[in-house]
Amino acid sequence: MSGAVKRVVCAMSGGVDSAVAALLLKNRGFQVQGVFMRNWDIADEKGYCHADKDKDDAEYVCKKIGIPLMEVNFVKEYWNNVFSAFINEYKEGYTPNPDIHCNKKIKFDLFFKYALERLKADAVATGHYARIATSSELPEKNFRLLKGIDKQKDQTFFLSQIPKSALEKCIFPVGEMTKDVVKKMAAAAGLDRIVKKKESVGICFIGKRNFQDFIDDYIEAKKEILLMLLIVKLLVNIKLCFVLGVHCWTVGQRCAISGQPVAFYVAERNVATQDILVAPGRMHPALFHQTLVTEAPYWINEPPVNFEKGESFQCEFRFQHREPLVNCLMYQDNKGRLQIYLEKPLRALTPGQYAVFYTGDECLGSARILL
């Protein structure tokens, strides 16, 4: 980041990570403006979010460390660009990742533009556990996204679709720290209320509600489900009058079926026919796959030169942010899609999720899984 940076806008979530990010920036002499983003309308009767409590906590933090706070409203944009896409993908039989979409469409696009253009910031900071590095050969042109020092909290998975232009103006102050150190620093600054705050998990607009109840409010089941039980090598069709539609289920999810001696798990689902294929046992072979196909990938920097030569490219892969990385070999077909071969089979590879690619500590980019 250039030494010309003076004014930094810091996204304040009301949590300990953004609090320490802002504190570090102020201690380093930057002029810091805190901004709280409101992305979900809690007045929506079908959704729930702790936005008001988070806003109060953000105000508490900013007052404690002595920086101003303002609020920006992206409720309409979030609904149109993230939530509507989330619902539509479920209707089409995919299982989307709204956190990746929110970072791509809202936090590192609209919010960045607002901070740079409206608030005249020189840079934008967030509390993500990630790092940014530049190439020694082309320091102004090759910004690389690296894993955070704390590998258990690393968030590059969720940042794998953000534009490179955002990286060029971004600061991740806590990326060089572990979560324990972040909490100790917050406590030393008198932010005990934030240190003790329970860390948010899951999707904001669902809150504590059962996911099946939530998604059923937005998507109507077309008909009763035809459930196919995969028993040994024999398919037995049993028609069940489930109230929940296919959209309420995802690959790998447990599916309670009365009268069966073992637990069954969703192996496949077909939205067009409303059929679900379930397999007995959590580790049934039908739940594991070693190959997958993705949409055309997004690369943070240049695509692998191997593809230009029609050659394969080898790197590391994950589709869930806390799962271990797995070696993979990929080819790009004539439609731009990736054909990926994994070193070992993985459980519950799910269409709609993202295949995220790494080489060492560097996050290269990602691609949406098709099948």
Protein backbone atom coordinates (compact mmCIF):
# COMPACT_ATOMS: atom_id res chain seq x y z
CA MET A 1 0.00 0.00 0.00
CA SER A 2 1.35 3.38 -1.01
CA GLY A 3 2.71 5.76 1.61
CA ALA A 4 0.27 8.38 0.28
CA VAL A 5 -2.58 6.68 2.16
CA LYS A 6 -3.89 8.96 4.90
CA ARG A 7 -7.66 8.57 5.10
CA VAL A 8 -8.98 5.03 5.62
CA VAL A 9 -12.60 3.92 5.78
CA CYS A 10 -12.98 0.89 8.05
CA ALA A 11 -16.04 -1.35 7.76
CA MET A 12 -17.42 -1.78 11.30
CA SER A 13 -19.52 -4.87 11.95
CA GLY A 14 -19.87 -4.56 15.72
CA GLY A 15 -17.51 -7.51 16.21
CA VAL A 16 -14.04 -7.81 17.70
CA ASP A 17 -12.19 -8.23 14.38
CA SER A 18 -13.33 -4.94 12.83
CA ALA A 19 -12.88 -3.23 16.21
CA VAL A 20 -9.21 -4.20 16.40
CA ALA A 21 -8.74 -3.41 12.70
CA ALA A 22 -9.91 0.16 13.34
CA LEU A 23 -7.82 0.41 16.52
CA LEU A 24 -4.65 -0.70 14.71
CA LEU A 25 -5.22 1.82 11.93
CA LYS A 26 -5.72 4.68 14.38
CA ASN A 27 -2.62 3.69 16.34
CA ARG A 28 -0.63 3.76 13.10
CA GLY A 29 -1.63 7.38 12.54
CA PHE A 30 -4.29 7.02 9.84
CA GLN A 31 -7.36 9.21 9.75
CA VAL A 32 -10.03 6.53 10.28
CA GLN A 33 -13.71 6.78 9.41
CA GLY A 34 -15.86 3.91 10.67
CA VAL A 35 -18.80 2.83 8.52
CA PHE A 36 -21.56 0.41 9.49
CA MET A 37 -23.23 -1.35 6.56
CA ARG A 38 -26.91 -2.23 6.84
CA ASN A 39 -27.55 -4.95 4.28
CA TRP A 40 -30.71 -6.60 5.56
CA ASP A 41 -34.04 -5.01 6.49
CA ILE A 42 -35.01 -6.48 9.85
CA ALA A 43 -38.53 -5.15 9.30
CA ASP A 44 -38.95 -7.90 6.70
CA GLU A 45 -41.34 -10.30 8.40
CA LYS A 46 -39.67 -13.32 6.80
CA GLY A 47 -36.13 -12.49 7.83
CA TYR A 48 -34.25 -11.73 11.00
CA CYS A 49 -30.95 -10.09 11.76
CA HIS A 50 -29.24 -8.52 14.78
CA ALA A 51 -28.46 -5.35 12.81
CA ASP A 52 -29.57 -2.89 15.49
CA LYS A 53 -27.52 -4.64 18.20
CA ASP A 54 -24.51 -4.76 15.88
CA LYS A 55 -24.91 -1.05 15.13
CA ASP A 56 -24.97 -0.29 18.87
CA ASP A 57 -21.80 -2.32 19.34
CA ALA A 58 -20.11 -0.52 16.43
CA GLU A 59 -21.01 2.84 18.02
CA TYR A 60 -19.62 1.65 21.36
CA VAL A 61 -16.32 0.63 19.72
CA CYS A 62 -15.89 3.84 17.76
CA LYS A 63 -16.62 5.98 20.81
CA LYS A 64 -14.12 3.99 22.88
CA ILE A 65 -11.27 4.28 20.37
CA GLY A 66 -12.16 7.82 19.30
CA ILE A 67 -13.19 7.62 15.65
CA PRO A 68 -16.39 8.79 13.94
CA LEU A 69 -19.02 6.31 12.74
CA MET A 70 -21.63 6.61 10.04
CA GLU A 71 -24.12 4.17 8.51
CA VAL A 72 -24.66 3.30 4.87
CA ASN A 73 -27.74 1.43 3.66
CA PHE A 74 -27.40 -1.26 0.99
CA VAL A 75 -30.65 -3.09 1.78
CA LYS A 76 -32.09 -2.69 -1.71
CA GLU A 77 -28.84 -3.65 -3.41
CA TYR A 78 -28.36 -6.66 -1.14
CA TRP A 79 -31.88 -7.87 -1.87
CA ASN A 80 -31.45 -7.51 -5.63
CA ASN A 81 -27.86 -8.74 -5.99
CA VAL A 82 -27.45 -11.31 -3.22
CA PHE A 83 -30.71 -12.46 -1.66
CA SER A 84 -32.74 -12.75 -4.88
CA ALA A 85 -29.88 -14.67 -6.48
CA PHE A 86 -29.76 -16.91 -3.39
CA ILE A 87 -33.45 -17.81 -3.76
CA ASN A 88 -33.24 -18.27 -7.52
CA GLU A 89 -30.30 -20.65 -7.20
CA TYR A 90 -32.21 -22.79 -4.73
CA LYS A 91 -35.15 -22.86 -7.14
CA GLU A 92 -32.79 -24.14 -9.85
CA GLY A 93 -31.41 -26.90 -7.65
CA TYR A 94 -28.17 -25.28 -6.50
CA THR A 95 -26.88 -24.61 -2.99
CA PRO A 96 -25.40 -21.09 -3.14
CA ASN A 97 -22.89 -19.33 -0.91
CA PRO A 98 -24.31 -15.88 -0.05
CA ASP A 99 -21.17 -14.83 1.84
CA ILE A 100 -19.06 -15.08 -1.31
CA HIS A 101 -21.74 -13.21 -3.28
CA CYS A 102 -22.02 -10.50 -0.62
CA ASN A 103 -18.28 -9.87 -0.63
CA LYS A 104 -18.20 -9.76 -4.43
CA LYS A 105 -21.32 -7.66 -5.04
CA ILE A 106 -21.66 -5.50 -1.92
CA LYS A 107 -18.68 -5.20 0.42
CA PHE A 108 -15.88 -5.13 -2.15
CA ASP A 109 -17.84 -3.43 -4.92
CA LEU A 110 -20.62 -1.04 -3.89
CA PHE A 111 -19.18 -0.33 -0.46
CA PHE A 112 -15.69 0.18 -1.90
CA LYS A 113 -17.00 2.63 -4.50
CA TYR A 114 -18.95 4.48 -1.82
CA ALA A 115 -15.87 4.75 0.42
CA LEU A 116 -13.51 5.86 -2.34
CA GLU A 117 -15.83 8.14 -4.30
CA ARG A 118 -18.26 9.54 -1.74
CA LEU A 119 -16.11 9.51 1.39
CA LYS A 120 -12.86 10.27 -0.48
CA ALA A 121 -10.96 7.47 1.23
CA ASP A 122 -7.45 6.57 0.13
CA ALA A 123 -8.02 2.96 1.21
CA VAL A 124 -10.65 0.68 2.72
CA ALA A 125 -10.11 -1.71 5.63
CA THR A 126 -12.08 -4.68 6.92
CA GLY A 127 -11.64 -7.17 9.76
CA HIS A 128 -11.06 -10.17 7.49
CA TYR A 129 -8.34 -12.67 8.32
CA ALA A 130 -6.41 -12.39 5.07
CA ARG A 131 -3.26 -10.71 3.74
CA ILE A 132 -2.25 -8.87 0.60
CA ALA A 133 1.16 -9.11 -1.05
CA THR A 134 2.67 -7.60 -4.17
CA SER A 135 5.22 -8.99 -6.57
CA SER A 136 8.70 -7.54 -6.26
CA GLU A 137 8.90 -7.39 -10.06
CA LEU A 138 5.59 -5.60 -10.62
CA PRO A 139 4.61 -4.22 -7.20
CA GLU A 140 1.88 -1.95 -8.58
CA LYS A 141 0.27 -4.51 -10.87
CA ASN A 142 0.35 -7.86 -9.12
CA PHE A 143 -1.66 -7.81 -5.91
CA ARG A 144 -1.96 -11.29 -4.43
CA LEU A 145 -4.50 -12.51 -1.88
CA LEU A 146 -2.82 -14.60 0.84
CA LYS A 147 -4.20 -16.67 3.70
CA GLY A 148 -4.31 -15.04 7.11
CA ILE A 149 -1.64 -15.98 9.64
CA ASP A 150 -4.32 -17.69 11.74
CA LYS A 151 -5.09 -20.68 9.50
CA GLN A 152 -8.13 -21.61 11.61
CA LYS A 153 -9.70 -18.20 10.96
CA ASP A 154 -8.44 -17.63 7.41
CA GLN A 155 -11.21 -16.05 5.29
CA THR A 156 -9.68 -16.04 1.82
CA PHE A 157 -12.26 -18.67 0.82
CA PHE A 158 -14.99 -16.00 1.10
CA LEU A 159 -12.82 -13.40 -0.67
CA SER A 160 -12.02 -15.58 -3.68
CA GLN A 161 -14.34 -13.67 -6.04
CA ILE A 162 -13.52 -10.09 -5.09
CA PRO A 163 -12.16 -7.83 -7.85
CA LYS A 164 -8.43 -7.23 -8.05
CA SER A 165 -9.14 -3.49 -8.14
CA ALA A 166 -10.43 -3.79 -4.57
CA LEU A 167 -7.26 -5.54 -3.39
CA GLU A 168 -5.25 -2.60 -4.69
CA LYS A 169 -7.04 -0.28 -2.25
CA CYS A 170 -7.63 -2.71 0.61
CA ILE A 171 -6.07 -3.20 4.05
CA PHE A 172 -6.59 -6.27 6.25
CA PRO A 173 -5.08 -5.13 9.59
CA VAL A 174 -5.79 -8.35 11.53
CA GLY A 175 -4.55 -10.66 8.77
CA GLU A 176 -1.11 -10.80 10.39
CA MET A 177 -2.57 -11.76 13.78
CA THR A 178 -4.18 -14.76 15.45
CA LYS A 179 -7.66 -14.54 16.93
CA ASP A 180 -6.27 -14.87 20.46
CA VAL A 181 -4.00 -11.87 19.95
CA VAL A 182 -6.90 -9.87 18.48
CA LYS A 183 -9.03 -10.57 21.56
CA LYS A 184 -6.18 -9.66 23.92
CA MET A 185 -5.65 -6.37 22.12
CA ALA A 186 -9.37 -5.59 22.31
CA ALA A 187 -9.41 -6.38 26.03
CA ALA A 188 -6.37 -4.16 26.62
CA ALA A 189 -8.24 -1.32 24.89
CA GLY A 190 -11.18 -1.71 27.27
CA LEU A 191 -13.48 -3.34 24.73
CA ASP A 192 -14.57 -6.13 27.09
CA ARG A 193 -18.17 -5.98 25.88
CA ILE A 194 -17.03 -6.81 22.35
CA VAL A 195 -14.54 -9.46 23.46
CA LYS A 196 -17.33 -11.32 25.27
CA LYS A 197 -19.75 -11.01 22.37
CA LYS A 198 -20.66 -14.34 20.81
CA GLU A 199 -19.18 -14.72 17.35
CA SER A 200 -21.81 -14.69 14.62
CA VAL A 201 -22.08 -17.78 12.44
CA GLY A 202 -24.41 -18.77 9.64
CA ILE A 203 -26.36 -16.57 7.28
CA CYS A 204 -27.48 -13.20 8.67
CA PHE A 205 -30.95 -13.12 7.13
CA ILE A 206 -31.83 -16.56 8.49
CA GLY A 207 -30.71 -15.92 12.06
CA LYS A 208 -31.61 -18.68 14.50
CA ARG A 209 -34.48 -20.03 12.42
CA ASN A 210 -34.54 -23.52 10.96
CA PHE A 211 -33.25 -23.27 7.39
CA GLN A 212 -35.96 -25.51 5.95
CA ASP A 213 -38.66 -23.32 7.50
CA PHE A 214 -36.94 -20.22 6.15
CA ILE A 215 -36.47 -21.35 2.55
CA ASP A 216 -39.99 -22.82 2.46
CA ASP A 217 -41.36 -19.28 2.99
CA TYR A 218 -39.86 -18.22 -0.34
CA ILE A 219 -40.12 -21.31 -2.55
CA GLU A 220 -43.28 -23.35 -2.97
CA ALA A 221 -42.98 -27.12 -3.26
CA LYS A 222 -44.20 -28.26 -6.69
CA LYS A 223 -45.47 -31.68 -5.63
CA GLU A 224 -44.82 -34.54 -3.28
CA ILE A 225 -41.27 -35.85 -3.37
CA LEU A 226 -40.34 -39.15 -4.95
CA LEU A 227 -37.65 -40.45 -2.65
CA MET A 228 -35.32 -43.09 -4.03
CA LEU A 229 -33.55 -45.23 -1.48
CA LEU A 230 -30.19 -46.52 -2.61
CA ILE A 231 -29.90 -49.90 -0.92
CA VAL A 232 -26.83 -51.91 -1.92
CA LYS A 233 -27.16 -51.90 -5.74
CA LEU A 234 -30.95 -51.86 -5.86
CA LEU A 235 -33.01 -48.69 -6.26
CA VAL A 236 -36.28 -48.89 -4.38
CA ASN A 237 -38.74 -46.10 -5.14
CA ILE A 238 -40.89 -45.02 -2.23
CA LYS A 239 -43.32 -42.16 -2.74
CA LEU A 240 -43.48 -40.01 0.36
CA CYS A 241 -45.86 -37.13 0.89
CA PHE A 242 -43.26 -34.70 2.24
CA VAL A 243 -44.49 -31.20 2.92
CA LEU A 244 -40.97 -29.91 2.24
CA GLY A 245 -39.90 -29.53 -1.39
CA VAL A 246 -36.62 -30.56 -2.96
CA HIS A 247 -35.33 -27.01 -2.42
CA CYS A 248 -35.28 -27.68 1.34
CA TRP A 249 -32.61 -30.34 0.97
CA THR A 250 -28.96 -30.27 -0.01
CA VAL A 251 -26.38 -32.89 -0.87
CA GLY A 252 -24.95 -34.62 2.20
CA GLN A 253 -27.85 -33.67 4.46
CA ARG A 254 -29.40 -36.28 6.74
CA CYS A 255 -32.90 -37.29 5.70
CA ALA A 256 -34.98 -38.93 8.43
CA ILE A 257 -37.01 -41.85 7.08
CA SER A 258 -39.17 -43.78 9.52
CA GLY A 259 -39.00 -47.53 9.54
CA GLN A 260 -35.45 -47.72 8.17
CA PRO A 261 -32.67 -49.41 10.18
CA VAL A 262 -30.01 -46.82 9.25
CA ALA A 263 -29.84 -43.07 8.70
CA PHE A 264 -30.11 -41.88 5.09
CA TYR A 265 -28.34 -38.93 3.47
CA VAL A 266 -29.12 -36.95 0.33
CA ALA A 267 -26.85 -38.06 -2.53
CA GLU A 268 -28.58 -36.31 -5.45
CA ARG A 269 -31.62 -34.15 -6.07
CA ASN A 270 -33.54 -33.24 -9.21
CA VAL A 271 -35.56 -30.04 -9.09
CA ALA A 272 -37.25 -30.67 -12.44
CA THR A 273 -38.73 -34.00 -11.35
CA GLN A 274 -38.71 -33.30 -7.58
CA ASP A 275 -36.79 -36.54 -7.02
CA ILE A 276 -34.26 -37.10 -4.27
CA LEU A 277 -31.73 -39.94 -4.20
CA VAL A 278 -30.70 -40.84 -0.67
CA ALA A 279 -28.06 -43.31 0.45
CA PRO A 280 -27.77 -45.35 3.68
CA GLY A 281 -24.99 -44.21 5.97
CA ARG A 282 -23.05 -40.96 6.19
CA MET A 283 -20.03 -42.43 4.40
CA HIS A 284 -21.84 -44.24 1.57
CA PRO A 285 -19.84 -44.22 -1.72
CA ALA A 286 -22.71 -42.43 -3.50
CA LEU A 287 -21.93 -39.35 -1.37
CA PHE A 288 -18.32 -39.15 -2.61
CA HIS A 289 -16.99 -37.80 -5.91
CA GLN A 290 -13.49 -37.36 -7.28
CA THR A 291 -14.33 -35.28 -10.37
CA LEU A 292 -16.36 -32.13 -10.87
CA VAL A 293 -17.20 -29.49 -13.46
CA THR A 294 -17.35 -25.76 -12.77
CA GLU A 295 -18.38 -22.61 -14.57
CA ALA A 296 -15.69 -20.46 -16.15
CA PRO A 297 -13.40 -19.51 -13.25
CA TYR A 298 -12.57 -16.11 -11.83
CA TRP A 299 -8.82 -15.59 -11.39
CA ILE A 300 -7.69 -12.77 -9.11
CA ASN A 301 -4.65 -12.27 -11.30
CA GLU A 302 -3.82 -13.79 -14.67
CA PRO A 303 -5.19 -17.25 -15.61
CA PRO A 304 -2.66 -20.10 -15.53
CA VAL A 305 -0.45 -20.00 -18.61
CA ASN A 306 -0.95 -23.77 -18.90
CA PHE A 307 -4.44 -23.20 -20.28
CA GLU A 308 -3.11 -21.07 -23.14
CA LYS A 309 -1.01 -24.07 -24.19
CA GLY A 310 -3.90 -26.51 -23.80
CA GLU A 311 -2.18 -28.10 -20.81
CA SER A 312 -3.45 -29.08 -17.38
CA PHE A 313 -2.87 -27.01 -14.24
CA GLN A 314 -2.16 -28.40 -10.79
CA CYS A 315 -3.02 -26.61 -7.55
CA GLU A 316 -4.92 -27.13 -4.29
CA PHE A 317 -8.70 -27.15 -3.87
CA ARG A 318 -11.42 -26.76 -1.26
CA PHE A 319 -15.16 -26.16 -1.45
CA GLN A 320 -15.74 -25.64 2.28
CA HIS A 321 -13.64 -23.02 4.02
CA ARG A 322 -12.57 -25.11 7.01
CA GLU A 323 -11.92 -28.35 5.17
CA PRO A 324 -8.30 -29.39 4.44
CA LEU A 325 -6.93 -28.51 1.03
CA VAL A 326 -6.79 -31.31 -1.55
CA ASN A 327 -4.47 -31.50 -4.56
CA CYS A 328 -6.24 -31.30 -7.89
CA LEU A 329 -5.55 -31.34 -11.62
CA MET A 330 -7.71 -29.24 -13.92
CA TYR A 331 -8.30 -28.65 -17.60
CA GLN A 332 -10.28 -25.86 -19.25
CA ASP A 333 -12.69 -27.01 -21.97
CA ASN A 334 -13.72 -25.11 -25.11
CA LYS A 335 -16.63 -23.52 -23.21
CA GLY A 336 -14.32 -22.07 -20.57
CA ARG A 337 -15.49 -24.50 -17.90
CA LEU A 338 -13.07 -26.36 -15.64
CA GLN A 339 -12.86 -30.15 -15.57
CA ILE A 340 -11.33 -30.94 -12.17
CA TYR A 341 -9.82 -34.21 -10.96
CA LEU A 342 -9.21 -34.49 -7.21
CA GLU A 343 -6.41 -36.43 -5.54
CA LYS A 344 -9.01 -38.21 -3.41
CA PRO A 345 -12.83 -38.41 -3.36
CA LEU A 346 -14.61 -35.77 -1.28
CA ARG A 347 -17.96 -36.04 0.44
CA ALA A 348 -20.99 -33.98 -0.59
CA LEU A 349 -19.52 -31.95 -3.46
CA THR A 350 -22.48 -29.65 -3.98
CA PRO A 351 -23.58 -27.82 -7.15
CA GLY A 352 -23.80 -24.09 -6.45
CA GLN A 353 -20.95 -24.05 -3.96
CA TYR A 354 -17.55 -22.64 -4.94
CA ALA A 355 -14.37 -24.49 -5.81
CA VAL A 356 -11.61 -22.26 -4.42
CA PHE A 357 -8.04 -22.67 -5.65
CA TYR A 358 -4.72 -22.19 -3.85
CA THR A 359 -0.99 -22.46 -4.41
CA GLY A 360 0.75 -22.38 -1.06
CA ASP A 361 -0.62 -19.39 0.86
CA GLU A 362 -2.00 -17.67 -2.23
CA CYS A 363 -5.68 -17.79 -3.10
CA LEU A 364 -5.80 -17.85 -6.90
CA GLY A 365 -9.55 -17.46 -7.42
CA SER A 366 -12.62 -19.66 -7.61
CA ALA A 367 -15.37 -21.12 -9.77
CA ARG A 368 -18.99 -22.12 -9.14
CA ILE A 369 -19.54 -25.87 -9.12
CA LEU A 370 -22.00 -27.15 -11.73
CA LEU A 371 -21.83 -30.93 -11.18
